[in-house]
Amino acid sequence: MFQELQSMEEVEYFIQANELAFIYVSRKNCSVCHGLFPQVKELFKNYPEIQTATVDADKTPEFSGQYTIFAVPALLLFYDGKEYLREARIVPMQQFNEKVNRIYENVVNP
């Protein structure tokens, strides 16, 4: 379900090729990242039109610079190539779900 993006070229293609694109940014040694990811994966089962991917900030450091990532995990949702939603570090899942749902409903079922 979640595609692993390993270069800036892959990231840019993923964002541009998908109307709704979600990227989960984490680091290998981040316990919060590993604790939150299963919840995020479960949440996105409800949004089949959103394409999902992960980026390891340690393996792709230029991503953090280009997208101004200061803390992980970072959750980024893009619509038509533009960032529409960003959450980082401690993410209340119910509120995040409500935000994603509003965007999803406006795009998929306008």
Protein backbone atom coordinates (compact mmCIF):
# COMPACT_ATOMS: atom_id res chain seq x y z
CA MET A 1 0.00 0.00 0.00
CA PHE A 2 2.73 2.50 0.93
CA GLN A 3 5.36 2.91 -1.78
CA GLU A 4 8.90 3.69 -0.58
CA LEU A 5 10.36 6.72 -2.36
CA GLN A 6 14.15 6.83 -2.35
CA SER A 7 15.09 9.85 -4.43
CA MET A 8 13.87 13.37 -5.12
CA GLU A 9 13.03 12.31 -8.66
CA GLU A 10 10.72 9.59 -7.31
CA VAL A 11 9.14 12.06 -4.87
CA GLU A 12 8.49 14.69 -7.53
CA TYR A 13 7.05 12.12 -9.94
CA PHE A 14 4.81 10.66 -7.21
CA ILE A 15 3.42 14.08 -6.26
CA GLN A 16 2.83 15.17 -9.86
CA ALA A 17 1.44 11.83 -11.10
CA ASN A 18 -1.25 11.53 -8.43
CA GLU A 19 -4.13 13.95 -7.88
CA LEU A 20 -4.10 13.10 -4.16
CA ALA A 21 -0.70 12.06 -2.82
CA PHE A 22 0.25 11.42 0.81
CA ILE A 23 3.83 11.13 2.04
CA TYR A 24 4.83 9.83 5.47
CA VAL A 25 8.30 11.09 6.41
CA SER A 26 10.20 9.21 9.09
CA ARG A 27 13.64 8.19 10.31
CA LYS A 28 14.92 4.72 11.17
CA ASN A 29 15.67 5.50 14.83
CA CYS A 30 12.44 7.44 15.54
CA SER A 31 10.20 5.59 17.99
CA VAL A 32 7.32 8.03 17.46
CA CYS A 33 7.55 7.38 13.70
CA HIS A 34 7.31 3.63 14.17
CA GLY A 35 4.48 3.94 16.70
CA LEU A 36 2.36 6.24 14.53
CA PHE A 37 2.85 4.52 11.18
CA PRO A 38 0.47 1.55 11.80
CA GLN A 39 -2.27 4.02 12.75
CA VAL A 40 -1.65 6.06 9.60
CA LYS A 41 -1.71 2.91 7.44
CA GLU A 42 -5.04 1.88 8.96
CA LEU A 43 -6.51 5.36 8.46
CA PHE A 44 -5.64 5.49 4.76
CA LYS A 45 -7.52 2.23 4.10
CA ASN A 46 -10.59 4.52 4.26
CA TYR A 47 -9.27 6.72 1.43
CA PRO A 48 -8.60 4.49 -1.59
CA GLU A 49 -8.22 7.43 -3.99
CA ILE A 50 -5.23 8.80 -2.05
CA GLN A 51 -1.91 7.33 -3.21
CA THR A 52 0.46 6.77 -0.29
CA ALA A 53 4.23 6.68 0.08
CA THR A 54 7.00 6.89 2.65
CA VAL A 55 10.28 8.76 2.66
CA ASP A 56 13.15 7.96 5.01
CA ALA A 57 14.62 11.36 5.86
CA ASP A 58 18.01 9.77 6.57
CA LYS A 59 18.21 8.14 3.12
CA THR A 60 16.86 11.20 1.26
CA PRO A 61 18.18 14.23 3.21
CA GLU A 62 17.48 16.64 0.34
CA PHE A 63 13.76 15.95 0.83
CA SER A 64 13.88 17.51 4.31
CA GLY A 65 15.58 20.60 2.93
CA GLN A 66 13.29 21.06 -0.04
CA TYR A 67 10.09 20.46 1.94
CA THR A 68 11.25 22.18 5.15
CA ILE A 69 10.94 19.15 7.42
CA PHE A 70 12.22 19.97 10.92
CA ALA A 71 10.58 17.15 12.89
CA VAL A 72 9.54 13.59 12.13
CA PRO A 73 7.22 11.95 11.65
CA ALA A 74 5.89 14.44 9.13
CA LEU A 75 2.62 13.76 7.32
CA LEU A 76 2.15 15.62 4.03
CA LEU A 77 -0.95 15.53 1.82
CA PHE A 78 -0.74 16.98 -1.69
CA TYR A 79 -3.57 17.83 -4.05
CA ASP A 80 -2.75 18.56 -7.69
CA GLY A 81 0.93 18.87 -6.84
CA LYS A 82 0.43 21.38 -4.02
CA GLU A 83 0.76 20.75 -0.31
CA TYR A 84 -2.65 21.00 1.35
CA LEU A 85 -2.05 19.45 4.76
CA ARG A 86 0.96 19.05 7.03
CA GLU A 87 1.24 17.54 10.49
CA ALA A 88 4.39 16.70 12.41
CA ARG A 89 5.69 14.90 15.47
CA ILE A 90 2.66 14.35 17.75
CA VAL A 91 -0.42 13.89 15.55
CA PRO A 92 -3.89 13.51 17.10
CA MET A 93 -5.30 10.89 14.73
CA GLN A 94 -8.98 11.82 15.07
CA GLN A 95 -8.31 15.44 14.13
CA PHE A 96 -5.96 14.39 11.34
CA ASN A 97 -8.65 12.05 9.99
CA GLU A 98 -11.21 14.88 10.01
CA LYS A 99 -8.84 17.13 8.04
CA VAL A 100 -8.05 14.41 5.50
CA ASN A 101 -11.75 13.57 5.18
CA ARG A 102 -12.69 17.19 4.40
CA ILE A 103 -10.11 17.37 1.61
CA TYR A 104 -11.01 13.90 0.30
CA GLU A 105 -14.75 14.63 0.19
CA ASN A 106 -14.20 17.91 -1.66
CA VAL A 107 -11.97 16.26 -4.27
CA VAL A 108 -13.56 12.85 -4.75
CA ASN A 109 -17.22 13.78 -4.15
CA PRO A 110 -17.53 17.50 -4.91
